Amino acid sequence: MSDIAKEILKIASKAVKKAQKRSLENGIANVYSKNGNIYFQLPDGTITQEQPKEYTT
């Protein structure tokens, strides 16, 4: 991997972590997908596969 690619990944990773932190601070769950499964990281730090009531229609 080139030096520029490494630098871009470093900057992008930092931006994602900042956005994730800000979402949790604002009471918004972070949503992840791993091996086809959806996970929610709730503002209290809990990780669950149960969809929060705020996300149901």
N, C-alpha and C. Protein backbone atom coordinates (compact mmCIF):
# COMPACT_ATOMS: atom_id res chain seq x y z
N MET A 1 0.86 -1.18 0.00
CA MET A 1 0.00 0.00 0.00
C MET A 1 0.90 1.23 0.00
N SER A 2 0.53 2.19 -0.82
CA SER A 2 1.35 3.40 -0.93
C SER A 2 1.19 4.27 0.30
N ASP A 3 2.12 5.18 0.48
CA ASP A 3 2.07 6.11 1.61
C ASP A 3 0.82 6.98 1.57
N ILE A 4 0.43 7.41 0.38
CA ILE A 4 -0.76 8.27 0.26
C ILE A 4 -2.02 7.49 0.62
N ALA A 5 -2.09 6.23 0.21
CA ALA A 5 -3.24 5.39 0.56
C ALA A 5 -3.32 5.19 2.07
N LYS A 6 -2.18 4.97 2.71
CA LYS A 6 -2.14 4.81 4.17
C LYS A 6 -2.62 6.08 4.86
N GLU A 7 -2.22 7.22 4.36
CA GLU A 7 -2.61 8.51 4.94
C GLU A 7 -4.11 8.75 4.77
N ILE A 8 -4.64 8.41 3.61
CA ILE A 8 -6.08 8.56 3.36
C ILE A 8 -6.86 7.67 4.31
N LEU A 9 -6.44 6.42 4.48
CA LEU A 9 -7.12 5.50 5.40
C LEU A 9 -7.05 6.00 6.85
N LYS A 10 -5.93 6.57 7.23
CA LYS A 10 -5.77 7.12 8.58
C LYS A 10 -6.74 8.27 8.82
N ILE A 11 -6.84 9.17 7.86
CA ILE A 11 -7.74 10.32 7.98
C ILE A 11 -9.20 9.85 7.99
N ALA A 12 -9.54 8.92 7.11
CA ALA A 12 -10.91 8.40 7.04
C ALA A 12 -11.30 7.69 8.33
N SER A 13 -10.40 6.90 8.87
CA SER A 13 -10.67 6.17 10.11
C SER A 13 -10.93 7.13 11.26
N LYS A 14 -10.13 8.18 11.34
CA LYS A 14 -10.30 9.19 12.38
C LYS A 14 -11.65 9.89 12.24
N ALA A 15 -12.05 10.20 11.01
CA ALA A 15 -13.32 10.87 10.76
C ALA A 15 -14.50 9.97 11.14
N VAL A 16 -14.41 8.68 10.83
CA VAL A 16 -15.48 7.74 11.18
C VAL A 16 -15.62 7.63 12.69
N LYS A 17 -14.51 7.49 13.39
CA LYS A 17 -14.56 7.39 14.86
C LYS A 17 -15.17 8.64 15.48
N LYS A 18 -14.84 9.80 14.93
CA LYS A 18 -15.40 11.06 15.43
C LYS A 18 -16.91 11.10 15.20
N ALA A 19 -17.35 10.69 14.02
CA ALA A 19 -18.78 10.68 13.70
C ALA A 19 -19.54 9.68 14.58
N GLN A 20 -18.95 8.52 14.82
CA GLN A 20 -19.58 7.52 15.68
C GLN A 20 -19.74 8.05 17.10
N LYS A 21 -18.71 8.68 17.61
CA LYS A 21 -18.74 9.24 18.96
C LYS A 21 -19.82 10.32 19.06
N ARG A 22 -19.87 11.19 18.06
CA ARG A 22 -20.84 12.28 18.06
C ARG A 22 -22.27 11.74 18.00
N SER A 23 -22.50 10.70 17.21
CA SER A 23 -23.83 10.10 17.13
C SER A 23 -24.27 9.60 18.50
N LEU A 24 -23.40 8.86 19.17
CA LEU A 24 -23.75 8.32 20.48
C LEU A 24 -24.00 9.44 21.48
N GLU A 25 -23.21 10.49 21.42
CA GLU A 25 -23.40 11.63 22.33
C GLU A 25 -24.75 12.32 22.08
N ASN A 26 -25.25 12.23 20.85
CA ASN A 26 -26.52 12.85 20.49
C ASN A 26 -27.70 11.87 20.62
N GLY A 27 -27.44 10.70 21.22
CA GLY A 27 -28.51 9.74 21.45
C GLY A 27 -28.92 8.92 20.24
N ILE A 28 -28.05 8.84 19.25
CA ILE A 28 -28.34 8.10 18.02
C ILE A 28 -27.49 6.83 17.99
N ALA A 29 -28.15 5.70 17.76
CA ALA A 29 -27.43 4.43 17.70
C ALA A 29 -26.56 4.35 16.44
N ASN A 30 -25.41 3.71 16.58
CA ASN A 30 -24.59 3.40 15.42
C ASN A 30 -25.04 2.04 14.91
N VAL A 31 -25.08 1.87 13.61
CA VAL A 31 -25.54 0.62 13.00
C VAL A 31 -24.39 0.01 12.21
N TYR A 32 -24.19 -1.30 12.45
CA TYR A 32 -23.10 -2.02 11.79
C TYR A 32 -23.64 -3.29 11.15
N SER A 33 -22.96 -3.78 10.16
CA SER A 33 -23.29 -5.05 9.54
C SER A 33 -22.03 -5.92 9.56
N LYS A 34 -22.19 -7.15 10.03
CA LYS A 34 -21.07 -8.09 10.06
C LYS A 34 -21.60 -9.45 9.65
N ASN A 35 -21.01 -10.03 8.63
CA ASN A 35 -21.43 -11.34 8.12
C ASN A 35 -22.92 -11.39 7.82
N GLY A 36 -23.47 -10.30 7.30
CA GLY A 36 -24.87 -10.26 6.93
C GLY A 36 -25.82 -10.00 8.09
N ASN A 37 -25.30 -9.82 9.30
CA ASN A 37 -26.12 -9.53 10.47
C ASN A 37 -26.01 -8.06 10.83
N ILE A 38 -27.14 -7.46 11.25
CA ILE A 38 -27.17 -6.04 11.63
C ILE A 38 -27.03 -5.94 13.14
N TYR A 39 -26.17 -5.04 13.58
CA TYR A 39 -25.95 -4.78 15.00
C TYR A 39 -26.15 -3.29 15.26
N PHE A 40 -26.70 -2.98 16.43
CA PHE A 40 -26.92 -1.60 16.85
C PHE A 40 -26.08 -1.34 18.09
N GLN A 41 -25.30 -0.28 18.07
CA GLN A 41 -24.59 0.16 19.26
C GLN A 41 -25.40 1.33 19.82
N LEU A 42 -26.00 1.08 20.97
CA LEU A 42 -26.87 2.08 21.58
C LEU A 42 -26.05 3.14 22.30
N PRO A 43 -26.64 4.30 22.54
CA PRO A 43 -25.90 5.38 23.20
C PRO A 43 -25.32 5.01 24.58
N ASP A 44 -25.92 4.00 25.26
CA ASP A 44 -25.36 3.58 26.55
C ASP A 44 -24.21 2.58 26.40
N GLY A 45 -23.84 2.26 25.14
CA GLY A 45 -22.73 1.36 24.88
C GLY A 45 -23.15 -0.07 24.59
N THR A 46 -24.41 -0.40 24.84
CA THR A 46 -24.92 -1.75 24.59
C THR A 46 -24.89 -2.04 23.10
N ILE A 47 -24.49 -3.27 22.76
CA ILE A 47 -24.54 -3.73 21.37
C ILE A 47 -25.59 -4.83 21.30
N THR A 48 -26.53 -4.68 20.38
CA THR A 48 -27.65 -5.61 20.28
C THR A 48 -28.05 -5.81 18.84
N GLN A 49 -28.76 -6.90 18.58
CA GLN A 49 -29.33 -7.11 17.25
C GLN A 49 -30.79 -6.69 17.23
N GLU A 50 -31.35 -6.33 18.38
CA GLU A 50 -32.72 -5.87 18.43
C GLU A 50 -32.79 -4.43 17.92
N GLN A 51 -33.70 -4.23 16.98
CA GLN A 51 -33.84 -2.90 16.38
C GLN A 51 -34.46 -1.95 17.40
N PRO A 52 -33.81 -0.81 17.66
CA PRO A 52 -34.38 0.16 18.60
C PRO A 52 -35.74 0.66 18.10
N LYS A 53 -36.63 0.97 19.04
CA LYS A 53 -37.98 1.39 18.67
C LYS A 53 -37.97 2.63 17.80
N GLU A 54 -36.94 3.47 17.91
CA GLU A 54 -36.83 4.69 17.10
C GLU A 54 -36.64 4.36 15.60
N TYR A 55 -36.22 3.13 15.31
CA TYR A 55 -35.94 2.74 13.92
C TYR A 55 -37.08 1.96 13.30
N THR A 56 -38.15 1.71 14.03
CA THR A 56 -39.28 0.98 13.47
C THR A 56 -40.29 1.95 12.88
N THR A 57 -41.00 1.48 11.89
CA THR A 57 -42.00 2.35 11.24
C THR A 57 -43.39 1.88 11.54
